[in-house]
Amino acid sequence: MGALVALLTALITIPLLFYFYTRAFGVELLVVDILLLFLALLLGQLAGLHFYKYHKGINSLIAISILLIIIFIFILFTFYPPHLPLFRDSNTGKYGIY
């Protein structure tokens, strides 16, 4: 379950930080993107470590279920993304991979 906490933390932190700095400052820098990746991974690992230390006895069936839901949503949003600016291709203006 701690690995799932680390994964979710990193997956949520990356887009939040990316859109925060690109919308707030109006710039996109590859170096900052790479640093955000490392920062999100560090935060995810720290959250997973905290979960391992203080939350014992969590059912692994819950963790597997959440992981399968994440995989399903990833596949679903790849082919049928919601029509939100987050999912729009900036080059073509289309949604999804079609």
PDB file of N, CA and C in Angstrom:
ATOM      1  N   MET A   1       0.818  -1.191   0.000  1.00  0.00           N
ATOM      2  CA  MET A   1       0.000   0.000   0.000  1.00  0.00           C
ATOM      3  C   MET A   1       0.860   1.252   0.000  1.00  0.00           C
ATOM      4  N   GLY A   2       2.022   1.193   0.621  1.00  0.00           N
ATOM      5  CA  GLY A   2       2.920   2.346   0.624  1.00  0.00           C
ATOM      6  C   GLY A   2       3.408   2.697  -0.765  1.00  0.00           C
ATOM      7  N   ALA A   3       3.618   1.669  -1.604  1.00  0.00           N
ATOM      8  CA  ALA A   3       4.040   1.927  -2.980  1.00  0.00           C
ATOM      9  C   ALA A   3       2.934   2.630  -3.754  1.00  0.00           C
ATOM     10  N   LEU A   4       1.706   2.269  -3.464  1.00  0.00           N
ATOM     11  CA  LEU A   4       0.571   2.924  -4.119  1.00  0.00           C
ATOM     12  C   LEU A   4       0.472   4.386  -3.684  1.00  0.00           C
ATOM     13  N   VAL A   5       0.712   4.649  -2.424  1.00  0.00           N
ATOM     14  CA  VAL A   5       0.706   6.031  -1.927  1.00  0.00           C
ATOM     15  C   VAL A   5       1.807   6.830  -2.621  1.00  0.00           C
ATOM     16  N   ALA A   6       2.982   6.239  -2.771  1.00  0.00           N
ATOM     17  CA  ALA A   6       4.088   6.911  -3.454  1.00  0.00           C
ATOM     18  C   ALA A   6       3.729   7.184  -4.913  1.00  0.00           C
ATOM     19  N   LEU A   7       3.131   6.208  -5.572  1.00  0.00           N
ATOM     20  CA  LEU A   7       2.744   6.364  -6.972  1.00  0.00           C
ATOM     21  C   LEU A   7       1.703   7.463  -7.139  1.00  0.00           C
ATOM     22  N   LEU A   8       0.658   7.427  -6.323  1.00  0.00           N
ATOM     23  CA  LEU A   8      -0.394   8.437  -6.423  1.00  0.00           C
ATOM     24  C   LEU A   8       0.124   9.836  -6.117  1.00  0.00           C
ATOM     25  N   THR A   9       0.984   9.948  -5.138  1.00  0.00           N
ATOM     26  CA  THR A   9       1.546  11.250  -4.788  1.00  0.00           C
ATOM     27  C   THR A   9       2.354  11.820  -5.946  1.00  0.00           C
ATOM     28  N   ALA A  10       3.193  10.997  -6.553  1.00  0.00           N
ATOM     29  CA  ALA A  10       3.997  11.462  -7.686  1.00  0.00           C
ATOM     30  C   ALA A  10       3.115  11.793  -8.887  1.00  0.00           C
ATOM     31  N   LEU A  11       2.119  10.946  -9.164  1.00  0.00           N
ATOM     32  CA  LEU A  11       1.249  11.185 -10.315  1.00  0.00           C
ATOM     33  C   LEU A  11       0.410  12.450 -10.164  1.00  0.00           C
ATOM     34  N   ILE A  12       0.037  12.776  -8.962  1.00  0.00           N
ATOM     35  CA  ILE A  12      -0.761  13.976  -8.743  1.00  0.00           C
ATOM     36  C   ILE A  12       0.123  15.216  -8.676  1.00  0.00           C
ATOM     37  N   THR A  13       1.313  15.086  -8.109  1.00  0.00           N
ATOM     38  CA  THR A  13       2.202  16.228  -7.921  1.00  0.00           C
ATOM     39  C   THR A  13       2.749  16.754  -9.243  1.00  0.00           C
ATOM     40  N   ILE A  14       3.087  15.885 -10.181  1.00  0.00           N
ATOM     41  CA  ILE A  14       3.705  16.327 -11.437  1.00  0.00           C
ATOM     42  C   ILE A  14       2.796  17.295 -12.196  1.00  0.00           C
ATOM     43  N   PRO A  15       1.552  16.934 -12.526  1.00  0.00           N
ATOM     44  CA  PRO A  15       0.745  17.913 -13.266  1.00  0.00           C
ATOM     45  C   PRO A  15       0.386  19.156 -12.448  1.00  0.00           C
ATOM     46  N   LEU A  16       0.193  18.990 -11.138  1.00  0.00           N
ATOM     47  CA  LEU A  16      -0.126  20.161 -10.325  1.00  0.00           C
ATOM     48  C   LEU A  16       1.005  21.184 -10.355  1.00  0.00           C
ATOM     49  N   LEU A  17       2.236  20.738 -10.154  1.00  0.00           N
ATOM     50  CA  LEU A  17       3.366  21.657 -10.169  1.00  0.00           C
ATOM     51  C   LEU A  17       3.626  22.209 -11.565  1.00  0.00           C
ATOM     52  N   PHE A  18       3.491  21.367 -12.588  1.00  0.00           N
ATOM     53  CA  PHE A  18       3.732  21.812 -13.962  1.00  0.00           C
ATOM     54  C   PHE A  18       2.759  22.923 -14.351  1.00  0.00           C
ATOM     55  N   TYR A  19       1.475  22.675 -14.136  1.00  0.00           N
ATOM     56  CA  TYR A  19       0.495  23.694 -14.530  1.00  0.00           C
ATOM     57  C   TYR A  19       0.555  24.917 -13.630  1.00  0.00           C
ATOM     58  N   PHE A  20       0.979  24.739 -12.396  1.00  0.00           N
ATOM     59  CA  PHE A  20       1.141  25.904 -11.531  1.00  0.00           C
ATOM     60  C   PHE A  20       2.219  26.826 -12.077  1.00  0.00           C
ATOM     61  N   TYR A  21       3.391  26.288 -12.383  1.00  0.00           N
ATOM     62  CA  TYR A  21       4.466  27.192 -12.794  1.00  0.00           C
ATOM     63  C   TYR A  21       4.277  27.686 -14.226  1.00  0.00           C
ATOM     64  N   THR A  22       3.683  26.891 -15.124  1.00  0.00           N
ATOM     65  CA  THR A  22       3.479  27.383 -16.482  1.00  0.00           C
ATOM     66  C   THR A  22       2.387  28.441 -16.551  1.00  0.00           C
ATOM     67  N   ARG A  23       1.322  28.280 -15.776  1.00  0.00           N
ATOM     68  CA  ARG A  23       0.238  29.270 -15.793  1.00  0.00           C
ATOM     69  C   ARG A  23       0.583  30.487 -14.947  1.00  0.00           C
ATOM     70  N   ALA A  24       1.291  30.297 -13.862  1.00  0.00           N
ATOM     71  CA  ALA A  24       1.603  31.425 -12.977  1.00  0.00           C
ATOM     72  C   ALA A  24       2.674  32.323 -13.582  1.00  0.00           C
ATOM     73  N   PHE A  25       3.700  31.723 -14.198  1.00  0.00           N
ATOM     74  CA  PHE A  25       4.817  32.520 -14.705  1.00  0.00           C
ATOM     75  C   PHE A  25       4.839  32.627 -16.222  1.00  0.00           C
ATOM     76  N   GLY A  26       4.036  31.834 -16.919  1.00  0.00           N
ATOM     77  CA  GLY A  26       3.944  31.925 -18.367  1.00  0.00           C
ATOM     78  C   GLY A  26       5.157  31.419 -19.126  1.00  0.00           C
ATOM     79  N   VAL A  27       5.934  30.547 -18.511  1.00  0.00           N
ATOM     80  CA  VAL A  27       7.112  29.992 -19.185  1.00  0.00           C
ATOM     81  C   VAL A  27       7.089  28.473 -19.087  1.00  0.00           C
ATOM     82  N   GLU A  28       7.748  27.839 -20.038  1.00  0.00           N
ATOM     83  CA  GLU A  28       7.950  26.395 -19.995  1.00  0.00           C
ATOM     84  C   GLU A  28       9.430  26.132 -20.245  1.00  0.00           C
ATOM     85  N   LEU A  29      10.099  25.558 -19.270  1.00  0.00           N
ATOM     86  CA  LEU A  29      11.522  25.269 -19.374  1.00  0.00           C
ATOM     87  C   LEU A  29      11.749  23.786 -19.138  1.00  0.00           C
ATOM     88  N   LEU A  30      12.500  23.157 -20.019  1.00  0.00           N
ATOM     89  CA  LEU A  30      12.765  21.731 -19.903  1.00  0.00           C
ATOM     90  C   LEU A  30      13.502  21.404 -18.609  1.00  0.00           C
ATOM     91  N   VAL A  31      14.420  22.249 -18.210  1.00  0.00           N
ATOM     92  CA  VAL A  31      15.180  22.014 -16.981  1.00  0.00           C
ATOM     93  C   VAL A  31      14.244  22.004 -15.775  1.00  0.00           C
ATOM     94  N   VAL A  32      13.301  22.925 -15.743  1.00  0.00           N
ATOM     95  CA  VAL A  32      12.351  22.978 -14.636  1.00  0.00           C
ATOM     96  C   VAL A  32      11.440  21.752 -14.665  1.00  0.00           C
ATOM     97  N   ASP A  33      11.040  21.313 -15.864  1.00  0.00           N
ATOM     98  CA  ASP A  33      10.213  20.103 -15.978  1.00  0.00           C
ATOM     99  C   ASP A  33      10.928  18.882 -15.404  1.00  0.00           C
ATOM    100  N   ILE A  34      12.203  18.755 -15.709  1.00  0.00           N
ATOM    101  CA  ILE A  34      12.986  17.625 -15.196  1.00  0.00           C
ATOM    102  C   ILE A  34      13.137  17.728 -13.678  1.00  0.00           C
ATOM    103  N   LEU A  35      13.377  18.930 -13.178  1.00  0.00           N
ATOM    104  CA  LEU A  35      13.480  19.112 -11.729  1.00  0.00           C
ATOM    105  C   LEU A  35      12.152  18.823 -11.034  1.00  0.00           C
ATOM    106  N   LEU A  36      11.041  19.178 -11.667  1.00  0.00           N
ATOM    107  CA  LEU A  36       9.733  18.868 -11.099  1.00  0.00           C
ATOM    108  C   LEU A  36       9.501  17.363 -11.030  1.00  0.00           C
ATOM    109  N   LEU A  37       9.977  16.643 -12.032  1.00  0.00           N
ATOM    110  CA  LEU A  37       9.870  15.180 -12.001  1.00  0.00           C
ATOM    111  C   LEU A  37      10.604  14.624 -10.793  1.00  0.00           C
ATOM    112  N   PHE A  38      11.835  15.064 -10.597  1.00  0.00           N
ATOM    113  CA  PHE A  38      12.602  14.565  -9.459  1.00  0.00           C
ATOM    114  C   PHE A  38      11.972  14.983  -8.130  1.00  0.00           C
ATOM    115  N   LEU A  39      11.449  16.202  -8.065  1.00  0.00           N
ATOM    116  CA  LEU A  39      10.791  16.666  -6.847  1.00  0.00           C
ATOM    117  C   LEU A  39       9.541  15.838  -6.562  1.00  0.00           C
ATOM    118  N   ALA A  40       8.751  15.553  -7.594  1.00  0.00           N
ATOM    119  CA  ALA A  40       7.536  14.751  -7.407  1.00  0.00           C
ATOM    120  C   ALA A  40       7.885  13.331  -6.977  1.00  0.00           C
ATOM    121  N   LEU A  41       8.926  12.756  -7.557  1.00  0.00           N
ATOM    122  CA  LEU A  41       9.350  11.411  -7.154  1.00  0.00           C
ATOM    123  C   LEU A  41       9.839  11.402  -5.705  1.00  0.00           C
ATOM    124  N   LEU A  42      10.571  12.432  -5.311  1.00  0.00           N
ATOM    125  CA  LEU A  42      11.027  12.537  -3.932  1.00  0.00           C
ATOM    126  C   LEU A  42       9.849  12.653  -2.977  1.00  0.00           C
ATOM    127  N   LEU A  43       8.886  13.505  -3.309  1.00  0.00           N
ATOM    128  CA  LEU A  43       7.699  13.646  -2.452  1.00  0.00           C
ATOM    129  C   LEU A  43       6.916  12.341  -2.379  1.00  0.00           C
ATOM    130  N   GLY A  44       6.813  11.646  -3.497  1.00  0.00           N
ATOM    131  CA  GLY A  44       6.121  10.364  -3.508  1.00  0.00           C
ATOM    132  C   GLY A  44       6.811   9.337  -2.629  1.00  0.00           C
ATOM    133  N   GLN A  45       8.122   9.268  -2.709  1.00  0.00           N
ATOM    134  CA  GLN A  45       8.867   8.312  -1.895  1.00  0.00           C
ATOM    135  C   GLN A  45       8.765   8.650  -0.411  1.00  0.00           C
ATOM    136  N   LEU A  46       8.798   9.939  -0.098  1.00  0.00           N
ATOM    137  CA  LEU A  46       8.657  10.337   1.308  1.00  0.00           C
ATOM    138  C   LEU A  46       7.260  10.017   1.832  1.00  0.00           C
ATOM    139  N   ALA A  47       6.235  10.218   1.003  1.00  0.00           N
ATOM    140  CA  ALA A  47       4.869   9.875   1.412  1.00  0.00           C
ATOM    141  C   ALA A  47       4.734   8.367   1.598  1.00  0.00           C
ATOM    142  N   GLY A  48       5.331   7.579   0.708  1.00  0.00           N
ATOM    143  CA  GLY A  48       5.294   6.126   0.853  1.00  0.00           C
ATOM    144  C   GLY A  48       6.019   5.656   2.106  1.00  0.00           C
ATOM    145  N   LEU A  49       7.163   6.267   2.399  1.00  0.00           N
ATOM    146  CA  LEU A  49       7.905   5.927   3.612  1.00  0.00           C
ATOM    147  C   LEU A  49       7.089   6.254   4.859  1.00  0.00           C
ATOM    148  N   HIS A  50       6.461   7.403   4.854  1.00  0.00           N
ATOM    149  CA  HIS A  50       5.609   7.783   5.991  1.00  0.00           C
ATOM    150  C   HIS A  50       4.469   6.779   6.159  1.00  0.00           C
ATOM    151  N   PHE A  51       3.875   6.359   5.060  1.00  0.00           N
ATOM    152  CA  PHE A  51       2.773   5.403   5.127  1.00  0.00           C
ATOM    153  C   PHE A  51       3.254   4.063   5.664  1.00  0.00           C
ATOM    154  N   TYR A  52       4.425   3.602   5.205  1.00  0.00           N
ATOM    155  CA  TYR A  52       4.977   2.342   5.707  1.00  0.00           C
ATOM    156  C   TYR A  52       5.236   2.391   7.209  1.00  0.00           C
ATOM    157  N   LYS A  53       5.721   3.539   7.696  1.00  0.00           N
ATOM    158  CA  LYS A  53       6.084   3.646   9.101  1.00  0.00           C
ATOM    159  C   LYS A  53       4.878   3.706  10.031  1.00  0.00           C
ATOM    160  N   TYR A  54       3.802   4.377   9.614  1.00  0.00           N
ATOM    161  CA  TYR A  54       2.726   4.678  10.547  1.00  0.00           C
ATOM    162  C   TYR A  54       1.393   4.000  10.271  1.00  0.00           C
ATOM    163  N   HIS A  55       1.248   3.291   9.169  1.00  0.00           N
ATOM    164  CA  HIS A  55      -0.030   2.662   8.846  1.00  0.00           C
ATOM    165  C   HIS A  55       0.188   1.181   8.572  1.00  0.00           C
ATOM    166  N   LYS A  56       0.071   0.396   9.587  1.00  0.00           N
ATOM    167  CA  LYS A  56       0.257  -1.060   9.468  1.00  0.00           C
ATOM    168  C   LYS A  56      -1.085  -1.740   9.252  1.00  0.00           C
ATOM    169  N   GLY A  57      -1.064  -2.873   8.585  1.00  0.00           N
ATOM    170  CA  GLY A  57      -2.242  -3.711   8.466  1.00  0.00           C
ATOM    171  C   GLY A  57      -3.272  -3.272   7.445  1.00  0.00           C
ATOM    172  N   ILE A  58      -2.873  -2.536   6.412  1.00  0.00           N
ATOM    173  CA  ILE A  58      -3.809  -2.135   5.371  1.00  0.00           C
ATOM    174  C   ILE A  58      -4.010  -3.308   4.419  1.00  0.00           C
ATOM    175  N   ASN A  59      -5.232  -3.551   4.043  1.00  0.00           N
ATOM    176  CA  ASN A  59      -5.579  -4.673   3.174  1.00  0.00           C
ATOM    177  C   ASN A  59      -4.958  -4.476   1.790  1.00  0.00           C
ATOM    178  N   SER A  60      -4.235  -5.478   1.311  1.00  0.00           N
ATOM    179  CA  SER A  60      -3.598  -5.374   0.000  1.00  0.00           C
ATOM    180  C   SER A  60      -4.617  -5.456  -1.131  1.00  0.00           C
ATOM    181  N   LEU A  61      -5.791  -6.006  -0.877  1.00  0.00           N
ATOM    182  CA  LEU A  61      -6.835  -6.047  -1.897  1.00  0.00           C
ATOM    183  C   LEU A  61      -7.283  -4.634  -2.269  1.00  0.00           C
ATOM    184  N   ILE A  62      -7.312  -3.748  -1.300  1.00  0.00           N
ATOM    185  CA  ILE A  62      -7.665  -2.350  -1.566  1.00  0.00           C
ATOM    186  C   ILE A  62      -6.612  -1.709  -2.464  1.00  0.00           C
ATOM    187  N   ALA A  63      -5.347  -1.964  -2.175  1.00  0.00           N
ATOM    188  CA  ALA A  63      -4.267  -1.390  -2.969  1.00  0.00           C
ATOM    189  C   ALA A  63      -4.314  -1.901  -4.410  1.00  0.00           C
ATOM    190  N   ILE A  64      -4.529  -3.183  -4.588  1.00  0.00           N
ATOM    191  CA  ILE A  64      -4.608  -3.754  -5.935  1.00  0.00           C
ATOM    192  C   ILE A  64      -5.810  -3.194  -6.679  1.00  0.00           C
ATOM    193  N   SER A  65      -6.927  -3.034  -5.992  1.00  0.00           N
ATOM    194  CA  SER A  65      -8.125  -2.471  -6.623  1.00  0.00           C
ATOM    195  C   SER A  65      -7.890  -1.042  -7.086  1.00  0.00           C
ATOM    196  N   ILE A  66      -7.270  -0.234  -6.249  1.00  0.00           N
ATOM    197  CA  ILE A  66      -6.980   1.147  -6.622  1.00  0.00           C
ATOM    198  C   ILE A  66      -6.020   1.200  -7.800  1.00  0.00           C
ATOM    199  N   LEU A  67      -5.009   0.351  -7.795  1.00  0.00           N
ATOM    200  CA  LEU A  67      -4.061   0.315  -8.901  1.00  0.00           C
ATOM    201  C   LEU A  67      -4.742  -0.085 -10.205  1.00  0.00           C
ATOM    202  N   LEU A  68      -5.640  -1.046 -10.164  1.00  0.00           N
ATOM    203  CA  LEU A  68      -6.373  -1.453 -11.363  1.00  0.00           C
ATOM    204  C   LEU A  68      -7.294  -0.344 -11.854  1.00  0.00           C
ATOM    205  N   ILE A  69      -7.884   0.399 -10.943  1.00  0.00           N
ATOM    206  CA  ILE A  69      -8.723   1.532 -11.337  1.00  0.00           C
ATOM    207  C   ILE A  69      -7.889   2.603 -12.028  1.00  0.00           C
ATOM    208  N   ILE A  70      -6.699   2.871 -11.504  1.00  0.00           N
ATOM    209  CA  ILE A  70      -5.807   3.855 -12.122  1.00  0.00           C
ATOM    210  C   ILE A  70      -5.434   3.419 -13.535  1.00  0.00           C
ATOM    211  N   ILE A  71      -5.112   2.146 -13.713  1.00  0.00           N
ATOM    212  CA  ILE A  71      -4.762   1.631 -15.042  1.00  0.00           C
ATOM    213  C   ILE A  71      -5.953   1.754 -15.990  1.00  0.00           C
ATOM    214  N   PHE A  72      -7.150   1.406 -15.518  1.00  0.00           N
ATOM    215  CA  PHE A  72      -8.349   1.503 -16.346  1.00  0.00           C
ATOM    216  C   PHE A  72      -8.616   2.946 -16.758  1.00  0.00           C
ATOM    217  N   ILE A  73      -8.506   3.888 -15.819  1.00  0.00           N
ATOM    218  CA  ILE A  73      -8.737   5.293 -16.130  1.00  0.00           C
ATOM    219  C   ILE A  73      -7.698   5.808 -17.111  1.00  0.00           C
ATOM    220  N   PHE A  74      -6.446   5.376 -16.977  1.00  0.00           N
ATOM    221  CA  PHE A  74      -5.399   5.777 -17.910  1.00  0.00           C
ATOM    222  C   PHE A  74      -5.743   5.330 -19.325  1.00  0.00           C
ATOM    223  N   ILE A  75      -6.161   4.076 -19.470  1.00  0.00           N
ATOM    224  CA  ILE A  75      -6.522   3.557 -20.795  1.00  0.00           C
ATOM    225  C   ILE A  75      -7.755   4.275 -21.327  1.00  0.00           C
ATOM    226  N   LEU A  76      -8.753   4.477 -20.488  1.00  0.00           N
ATOM    227  CA  LEU A  76      -9.982   5.141 -20.911  1.00  0.00           C
ATOM    228  C   LEU A  76      -9.703   6.571 -21.363  1.00  0.00           C
ATOM    229  N   PHE A  77      -8.929   7.330 -20.590  1.00  0.00           N
ATOM    230  CA  PHE A  77      -8.645   8.718 -20.939  1.00  0.00           C
ATOM    231  C   PHE A  77      -7.701   8.831 -22.122  1.00  0.00           C
ATOM    232  N   THR A  78      -6.979   7.774 -22.459  1.00  0.00           N
ATOM    233  CA  THR A  78      -6.139   7.802 -23.647  1.00  0.00           C
ATOM    234  C   THR A  78      -6.998   7.824 -24.902  1.00  0.00           C
ATOM    235  N   PHE A  79      -8.040   7.014 -24.930  1.00  0.00           N
ATOM    236  CA  PHE A  79      -8.890   6.915 -26.112  1.00  0.00           C
ATOM    237  C   PHE A  79     -10.099   7.850 -26.059  1.00  0.00           C
ATOM    238  N   TYR A  80     -10.648   8.105 -24.895  1.00  0.00           N
ATOM    239  CA  TYR A  80     -11.830   8.950 -24.739  1.00  0.00           C
ATOM    240  C   TYR A  80     -11.600   9.981 -23.625  1.00  0.00           C
ATOM    241  N   PRO A  81     -10.742  10.949 -23.867  1.00  0.00           N
ATOM    242  CA  PRO A  81     -10.465  11.922 -22.805  1.00  0.00           C
ATOM    243  C   PRO A  81     -11.623  12.898 -22.632  1.00  0.00           C
ATOM    244  N   PRO A  82     -11.780  13.432 -21.436  1.00  0.00           N
ATOM    245  CA  PRO A  82     -12.789  14.470 -21.245  1.00  0.00           C
ATOM    246  C   PRO A  82     -12.375  15.737 -22.006  1.00  0.00           C
ATOM    247  N   HIS A  83     -13.333  16.489 -22.460  1.00  0.00           N
ATOM    248  CA  HIS A  83     -13.028  17.705 -23.216  1.00  0.00           C
ATOM    249  C   HIS A  83     -12.730  18.850 -22.253  1.00  0.00           C
ATOM    250  N   LEU A  84     -11.548  18.753 -21.658  1.00  0.00           N
ATOM    251  CA  LEU A  84     -11.030  19.768 -20.752  1.00  0.00           C
ATOM    252  C   LEU A  84      -9.697  20.250 -21.305  1.00  0.00           C
ATOM    253  N   PRO A  85      -9.304  21.473 -21.017  1.00  0.00           N
ATOM    254  CA  PRO A  85      -8.036  21.986 -21.550  1.00  0.00           C
ATOM    255  C   PRO A  85      -6.818  21.123 -21.189  1.00  0.00           C
ATOM    256  N   LEU A  86      -6.876  20.438 -20.081  1.00  0.00           N
ATOM    257  CA  LEU A  86      -5.771  19.582 -19.661  1.00  0.00           C
ATOM    258  C   LEU A  86      -5.511  18.466 -20.663  1.00  0.00           C
ATOM    259  N   PHE A  87      -6.538  17.969 -21.326  1.00  0.00           N
ATOM    260  CA  PHE A  87      -6.423  16.827 -22.217  1.00  0.00           C
ATOM    261  C   PHE A  87      -6.356  17.222 -23.693  1.00  0.00           C
ATOM    262  N   ARG A  88      -6.364  18.503 -24.017  1.00  0.00           N
ATOM    263  CA  ARG A  88      -6.339  18.954 -25.410  1.00  0.00           C
ATOM    264  C   ARG A  88      -4.905  19.007 -25.921  1.00  0.00           C
ATOM    265  N   ASP A  89      -4.693  18.475 -27.121  1.00  0.00           N
ATOM    266  CA  ASP A  89      -3.380  18.535 -27.759  1.00  0.00           C
ATOM    267  C   ASP A  89      -3.157  19.961 -28.233  1.00  0.00           C
ATOM    268  N   SER A  90      -2.089  20.594 -27.769  1.00  0.00           N
ATOM    269  CA  SER A  90      -1.858  21.998 -28.099  1.00  0.00           C
ATOM    270  C   SER A  90      -1.487  22.196 -29.565  1.00  0.00           C
ATOM    271  N   ASN A  91      -0.959  21.172 -30.222  1.00  0.00           N
ATOM    272  CA  ASN A  91      -0.578  21.305 -31.631  1.00  0.00           C
ATOM    273  C   ASN A  91      -1.769  21.155 -32.566  1.00  0.00           C
ATOM    274  N   THR A  92      -2.619  20.169 -32.327  1.00  0.00           N
ATOM    275  CA  THR A  92      -3.728  19.897 -33.233  1.00  0.00           C
ATOM    276  C   THR A  92      -5.060  20.404 -32.717  1.00  0.00           C
ATOM    277  N   GLY A  93      -5.177  20.644 -31.421  1.00  0.00           N
ATOM    278  CA  GLY A  93      -6.439  21.067 -30.844  1.00  0.00           C
ATOM    279  C   GLY A  93      -7.434  19.938 -30.648  1.00  0.00           C
ATOM    280  N   LYS A  94      -6.985  18.691 -30.880  1.00  0.00           N
ATOM    281  CA  LYS A  94      -7.866  17.535 -30.739  1.00  0.00           C
ATOM    282  C   LYS A  94      -7.700  16.901 -29.369  1.00  0.00           C
ATOM    283  N   TYR A  95      -8.626  16.004 -29.070  1.00  0.00           N
ATOM    284  CA  TYR A  95      -8.607  15.265 -27.815  1.00  0.00           C
ATOM    285  C   TYR A  95      -8.389  13.797 -28.115  1.00  0.00           C
ATOM    286  N   GLY A  96      -7.552  13.118 -27.346  1.00  0.00           N
ATOM    287  CA  GLY A  96      -7.314  11.696 -27.538  1.00  0.00           C
ATOM    288  C   GLY A  96      -6.263  11.438 -28.604  1.00  0.00           C
ATOM    289  N   ILE A  97      -6.116  10.172 -28.972  1.00  0.00           N
ATOM    290  CA  ILE A  97      -5.079   9.802 -29.924  1.00  0.00           C
ATOM    291  C   ILE A  97      -5.614   9.543 -31.321  1.00  0.00           C
ATOM    292  N   TYR A  98      -6.882   9.825 -31.555  1.00  0.00           N
ATOM    293  CA  TYR A  98      -7.461   9.610 -32.878  1.00  0.00           C
ATOM    294  C   TYR A  98      -7.173  10.750 -33.795  1.00  0.00           C
TER     295      TYR A  98
END
